[in-house]
Amino acid sequence: MATAGDVVRDFCAAIDRKDLAKVESLLDEKVVYHNIGSEPAVGRDASLAAVKFQFDMFDPISFRIRNLAEDGNTVLTERVDEVTVNGIMAPVPVMGTFEVKDGRIVQWRDYFDMGLTGKLLGGEDVASLLPQ
């Protein structure tokens, strides 16, 4: 049986491929997806709509896992989410928390700096502010 970490790795790989069907298969019906600082998406349909919005906005999009810690059903990820808008690629540092039950994600919370993200997408040279 897949570990919680395996589920999250599969999920991040599905994001990289923009594979909405695979993303859907890994989300529980009652999943809550919350970009902290924004309103949470409650339920699979709302969470999929949020992911699809990102797929439509960012081309390409990639979740690069730098570190992953797993404790039972809880998985913490340190990621660099590479998102591209209008030809500008922004390597956004993100901390993510996933809770997995029966092979599906039931909670997904991402923490990131919106100000830094804006600077990155604006093309500012902020390399010294990014993880090395």
N, C-alpha and C. Protein backbone atom coordinates (compact mmCIF):
# COMPACT_ATOMS: atom_id res chain seq x y z
N MET A 1 0.83 -1.18 0.00
CA MET A 1 0.00 0.00 0.00
C MET A 1 0.88 1.25 0.00
N ALA A 2 0.45 2.26 -0.74
CA ALA A 2 1.22 3.50 -0.86
C ALA A 2 1.22 4.25 0.47
N THR A 3 2.37 4.82 0.81
CA THR A 3 2.46 5.65 2.01
C THR A 3 1.87 7.03 1.71
N ALA A 4 1.65 7.80 2.75
CA ALA A 4 1.16 9.17 2.56
C ALA A 4 2.16 9.97 1.71
N GLY A 5 3.44 9.76 1.94
CA GLY A 5 4.46 10.44 1.14
C GLY A 5 4.38 10.06 -0.33
N ASP A 6 4.12 8.78 -0.61
CA ASP A 6 3.96 8.33 -2.00
C ASP A 6 2.79 9.05 -2.67
N VAL A 7 1.69 9.18 -1.94
CA VAL A 7 0.50 9.86 -2.48
C VAL A 7 0.85 11.30 -2.83
N VAL A 8 1.56 11.99 -1.95
CA VAL A 8 1.91 13.39 -2.20
C VAL A 8 2.90 13.50 -3.36
N ARG A 9 3.85 12.60 -3.43
CA ARG A 9 4.78 12.61 -4.58
C ARG A 9 4.02 12.41 -5.89
N ASP A 10 3.08 11.45 -5.90
CA ASP A 10 2.25 11.22 -7.09
C ASP A 10 1.44 12.45 -7.44
N PHE A 11 0.90 13.11 -6.42
CA PHE A 11 0.11 14.31 -6.62
C PHE A 11 0.95 15.41 -7.26
N CYS A 12 2.13 15.66 -6.71
CA CYS A 12 3.00 16.71 -7.26
C CYS A 12 3.41 16.38 -8.69
N ALA A 13 3.67 15.11 -8.99
CA ALA A 13 4.01 14.70 -10.35
C ALA A 13 2.82 14.93 -11.30
N ALA A 14 1.60 14.70 -10.81
CA ALA A 14 0.40 14.95 -11.63
C ALA A 14 0.25 16.44 -11.91
N ILE A 15 0.59 17.29 -10.94
CA ILE A 15 0.56 18.74 -11.17
C ILE A 15 1.54 19.09 -12.29
N ASP A 16 2.73 18.53 -12.23
CA ASP A 16 3.75 18.79 -13.27
C ASP A 16 3.24 18.46 -14.66
N ARG A 17 2.46 17.40 -14.77
CA ARG A 17 1.94 16.95 -16.07
C ARG A 17 0.62 17.63 -16.43
N LYS A 18 0.10 18.45 -15.51
CA LYS A 18 -1.24 19.05 -15.67
C LYS A 18 -2.28 17.95 -15.92
N ASP A 19 -2.16 16.88 -15.15
CA ASP A 19 -3.03 15.72 -15.29
C ASP A 19 -4.18 15.84 -14.28
N LEU A 20 -5.23 16.56 -14.69
CA LEU A 20 -6.35 16.85 -13.79
C LEU A 20 -7.06 15.56 -13.35
N ALA A 21 -7.14 14.57 -14.23
CA ALA A 21 -7.78 13.30 -13.87
C ALA A 21 -7.02 12.60 -12.74
N LYS A 22 -5.69 12.61 -12.82
CA LYS A 22 -4.88 11.99 -11.76
C LYS A 22 -5.00 12.79 -10.48
N VAL A 23 -4.96 14.13 -10.57
CA VAL A 23 -5.14 14.97 -9.39
C VAL A 23 -6.47 14.61 -8.72
N GLU A 24 -7.52 14.52 -9.52
CA GLU A 24 -8.85 14.19 -8.98
C GLU A 24 -8.84 12.85 -8.25
N SER A 25 -8.14 11.87 -8.81
CA SER A 25 -8.13 10.54 -8.21
C SER A 25 -7.42 10.52 -6.86
N LEU A 26 -6.58 11.52 -6.60
CA LEU A 26 -5.82 11.57 -5.35
C LEU A 26 -6.47 12.46 -4.30
N LEU A 27 -7.57 13.12 -4.64
CA LEU A 27 -8.26 14.00 -3.70
C LEU A 27 -9.50 13.32 -3.14
N ASP A 28 -9.65 13.39 -1.83
CA ASP A 28 -10.85 12.89 -1.17
C ASP A 28 -12.05 13.76 -1.56
N GLU A 29 -13.22 13.17 -1.53
CA GLU A 29 -14.45 13.91 -1.87
C GLU A 29 -14.63 15.16 -1.01
N LYS A 30 -14.17 15.10 0.25
CA LYS A 30 -14.36 16.22 1.18
C LYS A 30 -13.06 17.01 1.42
N VAL A 31 -12.11 16.90 0.50
CA VAL A 31 -10.83 17.59 0.65
C VAL A 31 -11.03 19.10 0.87
N VAL A 32 -10.13 19.67 1.65
CA VAL A 32 -10.07 21.11 1.81
C VAL A 32 -8.68 21.55 1.34
N TYR A 33 -8.67 22.43 0.34
CA TYR A 33 -7.42 22.99 -0.21
C TYR A 33 -7.38 24.46 0.19
N HIS A 34 -6.31 24.83 0.90
CA HIS A 34 -6.24 26.20 1.41
C HIS A 34 -4.87 26.81 1.14
N ASN A 35 -4.85 27.79 0.24
CA ASN A 35 -3.69 28.67 0.12
C ASN A 35 -3.86 29.68 1.24
N ILE A 36 -3.05 29.56 2.26
CA ILE A 36 -3.23 30.38 3.44
C ILE A 36 -3.16 31.86 3.04
N GLY A 37 -4.15 32.60 3.51
CA GLY A 37 -4.30 34.01 3.12
C GLY A 37 -5.43 34.21 2.14
N SER A 38 -5.91 33.12 1.55
CA SER A 38 -7.06 33.13 0.64
C SER A 38 -8.15 32.25 1.25
N GLU A 39 -9.33 32.35 0.71
CA GLU A 39 -10.42 31.49 1.17
C GLU A 39 -10.14 30.05 0.76
N PRO A 40 -10.43 29.08 1.63
CA PRO A 40 -10.20 27.68 1.27
C PRO A 40 -11.21 27.18 0.24
N ALA A 41 -10.77 26.22 -0.55
CA ALA A 41 -11.66 25.50 -1.46
C ALA A 41 -12.11 24.26 -0.71
N VAL A 42 -13.40 24.11 -0.53
CA VAL A 42 -13.95 23.01 0.26
C VAL A 42 -14.63 22.01 -0.67
N GLY A 43 -14.18 20.76 -0.61
CA GLY A 43 -14.73 19.70 -1.45
C GLY A 43 -13.89 19.47 -2.69
N ARG A 44 -14.05 18.29 -3.27
CA ARG A 44 -13.25 17.92 -4.44
C ARG A 44 -13.52 18.84 -5.63
N ASP A 45 -14.78 19.16 -5.91
CA ASP A 45 -15.10 19.99 -7.07
C ASP A 45 -14.46 21.38 -6.95
N ALA A 46 -14.58 21.99 -5.78
CA ALA A 46 -14.00 23.32 -5.58
C ALA A 46 -12.47 23.27 -5.65
N SER A 47 -11.89 22.23 -5.09
CA SER A 47 -10.44 22.09 -5.11
C SER A 47 -9.94 21.85 -6.53
N LEU A 48 -10.64 21.02 -7.29
CA LEU A 48 -10.27 20.80 -8.69
C LEU A 48 -10.40 22.08 -9.51
N ALA A 49 -11.44 22.86 -9.24
CA ALA A 49 -11.60 24.14 -9.94
C ALA A 49 -10.41 25.06 -9.65
N ALA A 50 -9.94 25.06 -8.41
CA ALA A 50 -8.78 25.88 -8.05
C ALA A 50 -7.52 25.40 -8.76
N VAL A 51 -7.34 24.09 -8.83
CA VAL A 51 -6.18 23.53 -9.53
C VAL A 51 -6.28 23.83 -11.02
N LYS A 52 -7.46 23.66 -11.61
CA LYS A 52 -7.64 23.95 -13.04
C LYS A 52 -7.36 25.41 -13.32
N PHE A 53 -7.79 26.31 -12.43
CA PHE A 53 -7.50 27.74 -12.58
C PHE A 53 -5.99 27.95 -12.67
N GLN A 54 -5.23 27.27 -11.80
CA GLN A 54 -3.78 27.39 -11.85
C GLN A 54 -3.22 26.80 -13.14
N PHE A 55 -3.76 25.67 -13.58
CA PHE A 55 -3.31 25.07 -14.84
C PHE A 55 -3.53 26.05 -16.00
N ASP A 56 -4.66 26.73 -15.99
CA ASP A 56 -4.98 27.68 -17.06
C ASP A 56 -4.11 28.94 -16.97
N MET A 57 -3.79 29.36 -15.75
CA MET A 57 -3.03 30.60 -15.55
C MET A 57 -1.54 30.42 -15.81
N PHE A 58 -1.00 29.30 -15.36
CA PHE A 58 0.44 29.07 -15.40
C PHE A 58 0.78 28.02 -16.45
N ASP A 59 1.66 28.40 -17.40
CA ASP A 59 2.06 27.46 -18.43
C ASP A 59 3.54 27.64 -18.74
N PRO A 60 4.37 26.73 -18.26
CA PRO A 60 4.06 25.53 -17.49
C PRO A 60 3.95 25.81 -15.99
N ILE A 61 3.64 24.75 -15.25
CA ILE A 61 3.60 24.76 -13.79
C ILE A 61 4.31 23.49 -13.33
N SER A 62 5.05 23.61 -12.25
CA SER A 62 5.77 22.45 -11.75
C SER A 62 5.96 22.56 -10.24
N PHE A 63 5.69 21.48 -9.53
CA PHE A 63 5.93 21.41 -8.08
C PHE A 63 7.22 20.61 -7.87
N ARG A 64 8.31 21.30 -7.56
CA ARG A 64 9.60 20.65 -7.32
C ARG A 64 9.78 20.46 -5.82
N ILE A 65 9.76 19.22 -5.38
CA ILE A 65 9.93 18.92 -3.96
C ILE A 65 11.41 19.00 -3.62
N ARG A 66 11.74 19.87 -2.66
CA ARG A 66 13.12 19.97 -2.16
C ARG A 66 13.31 19.02 -0.98
N ASN A 67 12.32 19.01 -0.08
CA ASN A 67 12.36 18.15 1.10
C ASN A 67 10.95 17.67 1.40
N LEU A 68 10.86 16.47 1.94
CA LEU A 68 9.57 15.90 2.31
C LEU A 68 9.74 15.19 3.64
N ALA A 69 8.84 15.50 4.58
CA ALA A 69 8.84 14.83 5.88
C ALA A 69 7.48 14.17 6.06
N GLU A 70 7.50 12.97 6.57
CA GLU A 70 6.27 12.20 6.70
C GLU A 70 6.16 11.69 8.13
N ASP A 71 4.99 11.90 8.73
CA ASP A 71 4.70 11.38 10.06
C ASP A 71 3.30 10.80 10.02
N GLY A 72 3.22 9.50 9.85
CA GLY A 72 1.93 8.85 9.72
C GLY A 72 1.20 9.34 8.48
N ASN A 73 0.04 9.95 8.67
CA ASN A 73 -0.78 10.44 7.56
C ASN A 73 -0.50 11.89 7.19
N THR A 74 0.45 12.52 7.87
CA THR A 74 0.77 13.92 7.60
C THR A 74 2.08 14.02 6.84
N VAL A 75 2.07 14.82 5.78
CA VAL A 75 3.25 15.02 4.95
C VAL A 75 3.53 16.51 4.84
N LEU A 76 4.76 16.90 5.14
CA LEU A 76 5.19 18.28 4.97
C LEU A 76 6.14 18.34 3.78
N THR A 77 5.91 19.31 2.92
CA THR A 77 6.80 19.49 1.77
C THR A 77 7.39 20.88 1.78
N GLU A 78 8.68 20.94 1.49
CA GLU A 78 9.32 22.19 1.12
C GLU A 78 9.46 22.09 -0.38
N ARG A 79 8.82 23.02 -1.10
CA ARG A 79 8.81 22.95 -2.56
C ARG A 79 9.26 24.28 -3.16
N VAL A 80 9.60 24.19 -4.42
CA VAL A 80 9.71 25.37 -5.26
C VAL A 80 8.70 25.14 -6.37
N ASP A 81 7.63 25.93 -6.35
CA ASP A 81 6.61 25.83 -7.37
C ASP A 81 7.00 26.77 -8.50
N GLU A 82 7.37 26.19 -9.62
CA GLU A 82 7.79 26.98 -10.77
C GLU A 82 6.56 27.27 -11.62
N VAL A 83 6.18 28.53 -11.64
CA VAL A 83 5.00 28.95 -12.40
C VAL A 83 5.44 29.99 -13.43
N THR A 84 4.85 29.91 -14.62
CA THR A 84 5.22 30.81 -15.70
C THR A 84 3.98 31.54 -16.19
N VAL A 85 4.11 32.87 -16.26
CA VAL A 85 3.05 33.74 -16.78
C VAL A 85 3.70 34.72 -17.75
N ASN A 86 3.13 34.82 -18.95
CA ASN A 86 3.64 35.76 -19.96
C ASN A 86 5.15 35.61 -20.17
N GLY A 87 5.61 34.37 -20.17
CA GLY A 87 7.02 34.10 -20.41
C GLY A 87 7.94 34.31 -19.23
N ILE A 88 7.40 34.75 -18.10
CA ILE A 88 8.22 34.95 -16.89
C ILE A 88 8.02 33.77 -15.96
N MET A 89 9.12 33.05 -15.68
CA MET A 89 9.06 31.93 -14.76
C MET A 89 9.40 32.42 -13.36
N ALA A 90 8.52 32.11 -12.43
CA ALA A 90 8.71 32.49 -11.03
C ALA A 90 8.91 31.23 -10.20
N PRO A 91 10.10 31.06 -9.59
CA PRO A 91 10.35 29.91 -8.72
C PRO A 91 9.89 30.26 -7.29
N VAL A 92 8.64 29.94 -6.97
CA VAL A 92 8.02 30.36 -5.72
C VAL A 92 8.31 29.34 -4.61
N PRO A 93 9.00 29.78 -3.53
CA PRO A 93 9.20 28.88 -2.40
C PRO A 93 7.87 28.65 -1.67
N VAL A 94 7.56 27.38 -1.41
CA VAL A 94 6.27 27.01 -0.78
C VAL A 94 6.51 25.94 0.27
N MET A 95 5.83 26.09 1.40
CA MET A 95 5.75 25.02 2.38
C MET A 95 4.33 24.46 2.29
N GLY A 96 4.20 23.18 2.12
CA GLY A 96 2.89 22.56 1.99
C GLY A 96 2.67 21.50 3.05
N THR A 97 1.44 21.43 3.52
CA THR A 97 1.03 20.40 4.47
C THR A 97 -0.09 19.59 3.85
N PHE A 98 0.08 18.29 3.84
CA PHE A 98 -0.92 17.39 3.29
C PHE A 98 -1.31 16.38 4.36
N GLU A 99 -2.60 16.13 4.47
CA GLU A 99 -3.08 15.05 5.32
C GLU A 99 -3.76 14.04 4.41
N VAL A 100 -3.35 12.77 4.56
CA VAL A 100 -3.79 11.70 3.67
C VAL A 100 -4.55 10.65 4.47
N LYS A 101 -5.67 10.21 3.93
CA LYS A 101 -6.45 9.15 4.55
C LYS A 101 -6.90 8.18 3.46
N ASP A 102 -6.65 6.91 3.69
CA ASP A 102 -7.04 5.86 2.74
C ASP A 102 -6.56 6.15 1.32
N GLY A 103 -5.33 6.66 1.20
CA GLY A 103 -4.73 6.88 -0.11
C GLY A 103 -5.16 8.15 -0.82
N ARG A 104 -5.92 9.01 -0.13
CA ARG A 104 -6.38 10.26 -0.75
C ARG A 104 -6.08 11.45 0.16
N ILE A 105 -5.86 12.58 -0.47
CA ILE A 105 -5.57 13.81 0.27
C ILE A 105 -6.88 14.37 0.81
N VAL A 106 -6.92 14.61 2.13
CA VAL A 106 -8.12 15.16 2.76
C VAL A 106 -7.92 16.63 3.17
N GLN A 107 -6.68 17.03 3.36
CA GLN A 107 -6.34 18.42 3.67
C GLN A 107 -5.07 18.77 2.90
N TRP A 108 -5.06 20.00 2.31
CA TRP A 108 -3.88 20.48 1.61
C TRP A 108 -3.79 21.97 1.90
N ARG A 109 -2.71 22.35 2.59
CA ARG A 109 -2.49 23.76 2.91
C ARG A 109 -1.12 24.18 2.37
N ASP A 110 -1.09 25.30 1.67
CA ASP A 110 0.16 25.85 1.16
C ASP A 110 0.40 27.21 1.79
N TYR A 111 1.65 27.44 2.16
CA TYR A 111 2.09 28.69 2.77
C TYR A 111 3.19 29.27 1.88
N PHE A 112 2.99 30.51 1.41
CA PHE A 112 3.99 31.15 0.57
C PHE A 112 3.85 32.67 0.72
N ASP A 113 4.85 33.39 0.26
CA ASP A 113 4.90 34.84 0.38
C ASP A 113 4.33 35.46 -0.90
N MET A 114 3.12 36.03 -0.80
CA MET A 114 2.49 36.65 -1.97
C MET A 114 3.29 37.84 -2.49
N GLY A 115 3.91 38.61 -1.58
CA GLY A 115 4.72 39.75 -2.00
C GLY A 115 5.90 39.30 -2.85
N LEU A 116 6.59 38.26 -2.41
CA LEU A 116 7.71 37.72 -3.17
C LEU A 116 7.22 37.16 -4.51
N THR A 117 6.10 36.48 -4.49
CA THR A 117 5.54 35.93 -5.73
C THR A 117 5.27 37.05 -6.73
N GLY A 118 4.70 38.16 -6.26
CA GLY A 118 4.45 39.30 -7.14
C GLY A 118 5.73 39.86 -7.73
N LYS A 119 6.78 39.96 -6.90
CA LYS A 119 8.07 40.45 -7.40
C LYS A 119 8.63 39.51 -8.47
N LEU A 120 8.53 38.20 -8.20
CA LEU A 120 9.03 37.22 -9.16
C LEU A 120 8.29 37.30 -10.48
N LEU A 121 6.94 37.36 -10.40
CA LEU A 121 6.15 37.42 -11.62
C LEU A 121 6.29 38.76 -12.34
N GLY A 122 6.71 39.79 -11.59
CA GLY A 122 6.97 41.09 -12.19
C GLY A 122 8.34 41.18 -12.83
N GLY A 123 9.11 40.11 -12.73
CA GLY A 123 10.42 40.07 -13.37
C GLY A 123 11.53 40.72 -12.55
N GLU A 124 11.25 41.05 -11.28
CA GLU A 124 12.30 41.65 -10.45
C GLU A 124 13.41 40.64 -10.18
N ASP A 125 14.63 41.15 -10.06
CA ASP A 125 15.76 40.30 -9.73
C ASP A 125 15.83 40.17 -8.21
N VAL A 126 15.29 39.07 -7.73
CA VAL A 126 15.25 38.84 -6.27
C VAL A 126 15.93 37.50 -5.93
N ALA A 127 16.91 37.13 -6.73
CA ALA A 127 17.57 35.83 -6.54
C ALA A 127 18.12 35.66 -5.13
N SER A 128 18.57 36.74 -4.50
CA SER A 128 19.14 36.62 -3.16
C SER A 128 18.07 36.27 -2.12
N LEU A 129 16.80 36.42 -2.44
CA LEU A 129 15.71 36.12 -1.51
C LEU A 129 15.23 34.67 -1.62
N LEU A 130 15.76 33.93 -2.58
CA LEU A 130 15.28 32.57 -2.85
C LEU A 130 16.18 31.53 -2.21
N PRO A 131 15.63 30.34 -1.91
CA PRO A 131 16.45 29.27 -1.35
C PRO A 131 17.51 28.83 -2.36
N GLN A 132 18.64 28.49 -1.86
CA GLN A 132 19.75 28.06 -2.72
C GLN A 132 19.84 26.56 -2.80
